[in-house]
N, C-alpha and C. Protein backbone atom coordinates (compact mmCIF):
# COMPACT_ATOMS: atom_id res chain seq x y z
N MET A 1 5.17 6.74 -21.05
CA MET A 1 6.18 5.88 -20.45
C MET A 1 5.69 5.34 -19.11
N VAL A 2 5.94 4.07 -18.88
CA VAL A 2 5.48 3.42 -17.66
C VAL A 2 6.55 3.61 -16.57
N ASN A 3 6.11 4.09 -15.43
CA ASN A 3 6.99 4.29 -14.28
C ASN A 3 6.51 3.44 -13.12
N ARG A 4 7.37 3.24 -12.14
CA ARG A 4 7.00 2.53 -10.92
C ARG A 4 6.60 3.57 -9.87
N TYR A 5 5.46 3.35 -9.25
CA TYR A 5 4.96 4.25 -8.22
C TYR A 5 4.64 3.46 -6.96
N GLU A 6 4.59 4.20 -5.87
CA GLU A 6 4.21 3.63 -4.57
C GLU A 6 3.21 4.60 -3.96
N THR A 7 2.08 4.08 -3.55
CA THR A 7 1.10 4.93 -2.91
C THR A 7 0.75 4.33 -1.54
N VAL A 8 0.65 5.20 -0.55
CA VAL A 8 0.26 4.81 0.80
C VAL A 8 -0.94 5.66 1.17
N PHE A 9 -1.98 5.02 1.68
CA PHE A 9 -3.12 5.80 2.15
C PHE A 9 -3.53 5.32 3.54
N ILE A 10 -4.13 6.26 4.28
CA ILE A 10 -4.59 5.99 5.65
C ILE A 10 -6.10 6.05 5.64
N VAL A 11 -6.71 4.95 6.06
CA VAL A 11 -8.17 4.84 6.08
C VAL A 11 -8.65 5.07 7.51
N THR A 12 -9.77 5.73 7.64
CA THR A 12 -10.33 6.04 8.95
C THR A 12 -10.54 4.75 9.78
N PRO A 13 -10.26 4.79 11.08
CA PRO A 13 -10.34 3.58 11.90
C PRO A 13 -11.76 3.15 12.28
N VAL A 14 -12.76 3.92 11.95
CA VAL A 14 -14.12 3.57 12.34
C VAL A 14 -14.77 2.56 11.40
N LEU A 15 -14.08 2.17 10.33
CA LEU A 15 -14.63 1.21 9.37
C LEU A 15 -14.50 -0.22 9.90
N SER A 16 -15.42 -1.07 9.47
CA SER A 16 -15.32 -2.49 9.80
C SER A 16 -14.25 -3.12 8.90
N ASP A 17 -13.90 -4.37 9.17
CA ASP A 17 -12.92 -5.08 8.34
C ASP A 17 -13.39 -5.17 6.89
N ASP A 18 -14.69 -5.47 6.71
CA ASP A 18 -15.23 -5.59 5.35
C ASP A 18 -15.16 -4.26 4.61
N GLN A 19 -15.49 -3.16 5.30
CA GLN A 19 -15.43 -1.85 4.67
C GLN A 19 -13.98 -1.48 4.32
N MET A 20 -13.04 -1.86 5.18
CA MET A 20 -11.63 -1.60 4.93
C MET A 20 -11.18 -2.36 3.67
N LYS A 21 -11.54 -3.66 3.59
CA LYS A 21 -11.17 -4.47 2.42
C LYS A 21 -11.82 -3.92 1.15
N GLU A 22 -13.05 -3.45 1.27
CA GLU A 22 -13.76 -2.88 0.14
C GLU A 22 -13.06 -1.62 -0.37
N THR A 23 -12.58 -0.79 0.55
CA THR A 23 -11.86 0.43 0.18
C THR A 23 -10.57 0.09 -0.55
N VAL A 24 -9.82 -0.88 -0.05
CA VAL A 24 -8.57 -1.29 -0.68
C VAL A 24 -8.85 -1.87 -2.07
N GLU A 25 -9.86 -2.72 -2.18
CA GLU A 25 -10.23 -3.30 -3.47
C GLU A 25 -10.63 -2.22 -4.47
N LYS A 26 -11.31 -1.20 -3.97
CA LYS A 26 -11.74 -0.10 -4.84
C LYS A 26 -10.53 0.52 -5.54
N TYR A 27 -9.46 0.77 -4.79
CA TYR A 27 -8.31 1.44 -5.38
C TYR A 27 -7.42 0.49 -6.19
N THR A 28 -7.31 -0.77 -5.79
CA THR A 28 -6.56 -1.71 -6.62
C THR A 28 -7.29 -1.94 -7.94
N ASN A 29 -8.62 -2.04 -7.90
CA ASN A 29 -9.40 -2.19 -9.13
C ASN A 29 -9.32 -0.94 -9.99
N PHE A 30 -9.34 0.23 -9.35
CA PHE A 30 -9.21 1.49 -10.07
C PHE A 30 -7.90 1.52 -10.86
N LEU A 31 -6.82 1.11 -10.21
CA LEU A 31 -5.52 1.09 -10.89
C LEU A 31 -5.51 0.10 -12.05
N LYS A 32 -6.06 -1.10 -11.83
CA LYS A 32 -6.10 -2.11 -12.88
C LYS A 32 -6.93 -1.64 -14.08
N GLU A 33 -8.06 -0.98 -13.80
CA GLU A 33 -8.93 -0.48 -14.87
C GLU A 33 -8.23 0.59 -15.70
N HIS A 34 -7.31 1.32 -15.08
CA HIS A 34 -6.59 2.38 -15.78
C HIS A 34 -5.25 1.89 -16.35
N GLY A 35 -5.09 0.57 -16.46
CA GLY A 35 -3.92 0.01 -17.12
C GLY A 35 -2.70 -0.16 -16.26
N ALA A 36 -2.84 -0.04 -14.96
CA ALA A 36 -1.69 -0.20 -14.06
C ALA A 36 -1.47 -1.68 -13.75
N GLU A 37 -0.23 -2.03 -13.51
CA GLU A 37 0.12 -3.39 -13.11
C GLU A 37 0.51 -3.35 -11.63
N ILE A 38 -0.25 -4.03 -10.78
CA ILE A 38 0.03 -4.05 -9.35
C ILE A 38 1.23 -4.96 -9.12
N VAL A 39 2.28 -4.43 -8.51
CA VAL A 39 3.50 -5.18 -8.25
C VAL A 39 3.47 -5.78 -6.85
N TYR A 40 3.00 -5.00 -5.87
CA TYR A 40 3.07 -5.43 -4.47
C TYR A 40 2.04 -4.65 -3.67
N THR A 41 1.40 -5.32 -2.73
CA THR A 41 0.50 -4.64 -1.79
C THR A 41 0.86 -5.09 -0.39
N ASN A 42 0.64 -4.22 0.57
CA ASN A 42 0.97 -4.55 1.95
C ASN A 42 0.03 -3.81 2.88
N ASN A 43 -0.65 -4.56 3.72
CA ASN A 43 -1.51 -3.99 4.74
C ASN A 43 -0.66 -3.78 5.99
N TRP A 44 -0.39 -2.53 6.33
CA TRP A 44 0.42 -2.23 7.51
C TRP A 44 -0.40 -2.29 8.79
N GLY A 45 -1.71 -2.35 8.66
CA GLY A 45 -2.58 -2.47 9.82
C GLY A 45 -2.87 -1.14 10.49
N MET A 46 -3.46 -1.23 11.67
CA MET A 46 -3.82 -0.04 12.43
C MET A 46 -2.59 0.50 13.14
N ARG A 47 -2.36 1.79 12.97
CA ARG A 47 -1.21 2.44 13.62
C ARG A 47 -1.64 3.78 14.21
N LYS A 48 -0.89 4.19 15.18
CA LYS A 48 -1.13 5.49 15.81
C LYS A 48 -0.62 6.59 14.88
N LEU A 49 -1.40 7.64 14.73
CA LEU A 49 -1.00 8.76 13.90
C LEU A 49 -0.07 9.68 14.68
N ALA A 50 0.80 10.38 13.99
CA ALA A 50 1.73 11.30 14.64
C ALA A 50 0.99 12.48 15.26
N TYR A 51 -0.14 12.85 14.66
CA TYR A 51 -0.97 13.94 15.16
C TYR A 51 -2.42 13.64 14.75
N PRO A 52 -3.39 14.17 15.50
CA PRO A 52 -4.79 13.88 15.16
C PRO A 52 -5.18 14.44 13.79
N ILE A 53 -5.92 13.64 13.03
CA ILE A 53 -6.47 14.06 11.74
C ILE A 53 -7.97 13.83 11.81
N LYS A 54 -8.76 14.88 11.62
CA LYS A 54 -10.22 14.80 11.71
C LYS A 54 -10.64 14.14 13.02
N LYS A 55 -9.98 14.52 14.09
CA LYS A 55 -10.24 14.03 15.46
C LYS A 55 -9.98 12.53 15.62
N LYS A 56 -9.21 11.94 14.73
CA LYS A 56 -8.83 10.52 14.82
C LYS A 56 -7.37 10.45 15.22
N THR A 57 -7.02 9.49 16.08
CA THR A 57 -5.62 9.34 16.51
C THR A 57 -4.99 8.07 15.95
N THR A 58 -5.79 7.22 15.29
CA THR A 58 -5.27 6.01 14.67
C THR A 58 -5.86 5.89 13.26
N GLY A 59 -5.26 5.00 12.47
CA GLY A 59 -5.77 4.77 11.12
C GLY A 59 -5.19 3.49 10.55
N PHE A 60 -5.87 2.94 9.54
CA PHE A 60 -5.38 1.75 8.83
C PHE A 60 -4.48 2.21 7.69
N TYR A 61 -3.25 1.76 7.70
CA TYR A 61 -2.29 2.11 6.65
C TYR A 61 -2.26 1.00 5.61
N TYR A 62 -2.20 1.38 4.34
CA TYR A 62 -2.12 0.40 3.26
C TYR A 62 -1.19 0.92 2.17
N LEU A 63 -0.32 0.04 1.65
CA LEU A 63 0.65 0.40 0.61
C LEU A 63 0.36 -0.39 -0.66
N ILE A 64 0.45 0.29 -1.80
CA ILE A 64 0.33 -0.36 -3.11
C ILE A 64 1.50 0.12 -3.96
N GLU A 65 2.26 -0.84 -4.50
CA GLU A 65 3.34 -0.52 -5.44
C GLU A 65 2.88 -0.98 -6.81
N PHE A 66 3.02 -0.12 -7.82
CA PHE A 66 2.47 -0.45 -9.13
C PHE A 66 3.24 0.23 -10.25
N ASN A 67 3.10 -0.32 -11.46
CA ASN A 67 3.64 0.27 -12.69
C ASN A 67 2.47 0.91 -13.43
N ALA A 68 2.64 2.16 -13.87
CA ALA A 68 1.56 2.84 -14.57
C ALA A 68 2.09 4.03 -15.35
N GLU A 69 1.24 4.53 -16.24
CA GLU A 69 1.50 5.78 -16.95
C GLU A 69 1.36 6.93 -15.95
N GLY A 70 2.04 8.02 -16.20
CA GLY A 70 1.98 9.17 -15.31
C GLY A 70 0.60 9.80 -15.21
N SER A 71 -0.20 9.68 -16.28
CA SER A 71 -1.53 10.29 -16.29
C SER A 71 -2.49 9.62 -15.30
N VAL A 72 -2.19 8.38 -14.93
CA VAL A 72 -3.06 7.64 -14.00
C VAL A 72 -3.01 8.27 -12.61
N ILE A 73 -1.88 8.84 -12.24
CA ILE A 73 -1.69 9.38 -10.89
C ILE A 73 -2.66 10.51 -10.60
N ALA A 74 -2.86 11.41 -11.55
CA ALA A 74 -3.78 12.53 -11.35
C ALA A 74 -5.20 12.01 -11.09
N ASP A 75 -5.62 11.02 -11.87
CA ASP A 75 -6.96 10.44 -11.68
C ASP A 75 -7.08 9.74 -10.32
N LEU A 76 -6.01 9.03 -9.95
CA LEU A 76 -6.01 8.31 -8.67
C LEU A 76 -6.13 9.30 -7.51
N GLU A 77 -5.36 10.38 -7.56
CA GLU A 77 -5.39 11.34 -6.45
C GLU A 77 -6.71 12.09 -6.38
N ILE A 78 -7.36 12.31 -7.51
CA ILE A 78 -8.70 12.92 -7.49
C ILE A 78 -9.68 11.96 -6.80
N ALA A 79 -9.57 10.67 -7.10
CA ALA A 79 -10.43 9.67 -6.45
C ALA A 79 -10.16 9.64 -4.94
N TYR A 80 -8.88 9.74 -4.56
CA TYR A 80 -8.54 9.79 -3.13
C TYR A 80 -9.19 11.00 -2.45
N LYS A 81 -9.10 12.14 -3.09
CA LYS A 81 -9.64 13.37 -2.49
C LYS A 81 -11.15 13.32 -2.33
N ARG A 82 -11.81 12.60 -3.20
CA ARG A 82 -13.28 12.51 -3.14
C ARG A 82 -13.77 11.50 -2.11
N ASP A 83 -12.90 10.65 -1.62
CA ASP A 83 -13.30 9.58 -0.70
C ASP A 83 -13.12 10.06 0.74
N GLU A 84 -14.23 10.20 1.45
CA GLU A 84 -14.15 10.70 2.81
C GLU A 84 -13.68 9.63 3.81
N ARG A 85 -13.53 8.38 3.35
CA ARG A 85 -13.00 7.33 4.23
C ARG A 85 -11.49 7.45 4.41
N LEU A 86 -10.82 8.18 3.50
CA LEU A 86 -9.37 8.33 3.58
C LEU A 86 -9.01 9.57 4.39
N LEU A 87 -8.05 9.39 5.30
CA LEU A 87 -7.56 10.51 6.09
C LEU A 87 -6.43 11.23 5.37
N ARG A 88 -5.48 10.46 4.85
CA ARG A 88 -4.32 11.01 4.12
C ARG A 88 -3.87 10.02 3.06
N PHE A 89 -3.11 10.52 2.08
CA PHE A 89 -2.52 9.66 1.06
C PHE A 89 -1.24 10.31 0.57
N LEU A 90 -0.37 9.49 0.01
CA LEU A 90 0.87 9.99 -0.58
C LEU A 90 1.26 9.03 -1.70
N THR A 91 1.51 9.58 -2.88
CA THR A 91 1.96 8.78 -4.02
C THR A 91 3.29 9.33 -4.47
N VAL A 92 4.28 8.45 -4.60
CA VAL A 92 5.61 8.87 -5.03
C VAL A 92 6.07 8.01 -6.20
N SER A 93 6.89 8.61 -7.04
CA SER A 93 7.51 7.91 -8.16
C SER A 93 8.82 7.31 -7.65
N LEU A 94 9.05 6.04 -7.95
CA LEU A 94 10.26 5.37 -7.48
C LEU A 94 11.32 5.38 -8.58
N ASP A 95 12.55 5.75 -8.20
CA ASP A 95 13.64 5.66 -9.17
C ASP A 95 14.20 4.24 -9.14
N LYS A 96 15.18 3.96 -9.99
CA LYS A 96 15.69 2.59 -10.11
C LYS A 96 16.30 2.08 -8.81
N TYR A 97 16.86 2.98 -8.00
CA TYR A 97 17.46 2.57 -6.73
C TYR A 97 16.39 2.18 -5.71
N ALA A 98 15.31 2.92 -5.69
CA ALA A 98 14.21 2.60 -4.77
C ALA A 98 13.54 1.29 -5.17
N VAL A 99 13.40 1.06 -6.47
CA VAL A 99 12.81 -0.20 -6.95
C VAL A 99 13.70 -1.36 -6.54
N ALA A 100 15.02 -1.21 -6.74
CA ALA A 100 15.96 -2.27 -6.37
C ALA A 100 15.93 -2.51 -4.85
N TYR A 101 15.87 -1.44 -4.07
CA TYR A 101 15.82 -1.57 -2.62
C TYR A 101 14.56 -2.31 -2.18
N ASN A 102 13.41 -1.95 -2.74
CA ASN A 102 12.15 -2.61 -2.38
C ASN A 102 12.18 -4.10 -2.71
N GLU A 103 12.72 -4.44 -3.90
CA GLU A 103 12.79 -5.85 -4.30
C GLU A 103 13.75 -6.62 -3.40
N LYS A 104 14.88 -6.01 -3.06
CA LYS A 104 15.85 -6.65 -2.17
C LYS A 104 15.23 -6.89 -0.79
N LYS A 105 14.50 -5.90 -0.30
CA LYS A 105 13.85 -6.02 1.01
C LYS A 105 12.80 -7.14 1.00
N ARG A 106 12.00 -7.23 -0.07
CA ARG A 106 10.98 -8.28 -0.17
C ARG A 106 11.63 -9.66 -0.27
N ASN A 107 12.70 -9.78 -1.06
CA ASN A 107 13.40 -11.07 -1.19
C ASN A 107 14.01 -11.50 0.13
N ALA A 108 14.56 -10.57 0.89
CA ALA A 108 15.14 -10.90 2.20
C ALA A 108 14.04 -11.37 3.16
N LYS A 109 12.88 -10.73 3.08
CA LYS A 109 11.76 -11.12 3.94
C LYS A 109 11.27 -12.53 3.58
N LYS A 110 11.18 -12.82 2.26
CA LYS A 110 10.77 -14.15 1.81
C LYS A 110 11.76 -15.21 2.28
N ALA A 111 13.06 -14.89 2.18
CA ALA A 111 14.10 -15.84 2.61
C ALA A 111 13.99 -16.09 4.11
N ALA A 112 13.73 -15.06 4.88
CA ALA A 112 13.60 -15.21 6.34
C ALA A 112 12.39 -16.07 6.69
N VAL A 113 11.29 -15.88 5.97
CA VAL A 113 10.09 -16.68 6.21
C VAL A 113 10.33 -18.13 5.81
N ALA A 114 11.05 -18.33 4.71
CA ALA A 114 11.34 -19.69 4.24
C ALA A 114 12.25 -20.43 5.21
N GLU A 115 13.17 -19.72 5.86
CA GLU A 115 14.09 -20.35 6.81
C GLU A 115 13.43 -20.67 8.14
N THR A 116 12.42 -19.94 8.52
CA THR A 116 11.80 -20.09 9.83
C THR A 116 11.25 -21.50 10.06
N PRO A 117 10.43 -22.09 9.17
CA PRO A 117 9.94 -23.45 9.43
C PRO A 117 11.08 -24.47 9.49
N ALA A 118 12.08 -24.34 8.63
CA ALA A 118 13.21 -25.26 8.64
C ALA A 118 13.99 -25.17 9.95
N ALA A 119 14.17 -23.95 10.42
CA ALA A 119 14.89 -23.76 11.69
C ALA A 119 14.09 -24.34 12.84
N ALA A 120 12.78 -24.21 12.78
CA ALA A 120 11.93 -24.76 13.84
C ALA A 120 12.00 -26.28 13.84
N GLU A 121 12.08 -26.92 12.67
CA GLU A 121 12.16 -28.38 12.59
C GLU A 121 13.52 -28.87 13.09
N GLU A 122 14.58 -28.12 12.83
CA GLU A 122 15.92 -28.52 13.29
C GLU A 122 16.02 -28.52 14.80
N VAL A 123 15.28 -27.61 15.43
CA VAL A 123 15.32 -27.52 16.90
C VAL A 123 14.70 -28.74 17.54
N LYS A 124 13.70 -29.34 16.90
CA LYS A 124 12.99 -30.50 17.45
C LYS A 124 13.87 -31.65 17.53
């Protein structure tokens, strides 16, 4: 059965932009190769960590929301554990309420972005 999942991982801050993009592509490609459908991705950027991890106080946060079989998660988390570029990761299964909330939040954000240029033109 296909479920909706959300995974967030923190990448070490010592990587270059290209290495960061390569790491993200590695995991999005991994999911696609294992039959997952990527629904949404979001780069949260560099953020301060709540506590030091491996002597690092900041990290690049990245979110991927996807539909996949449950068996894919075990393989994904093994790949995460083997990658020394990742500081932490968390994968959760979303219930129907969380899926609806995420879609509502994204639609509200799109509407706000769509209104911004129109509002700027009205001011002129």
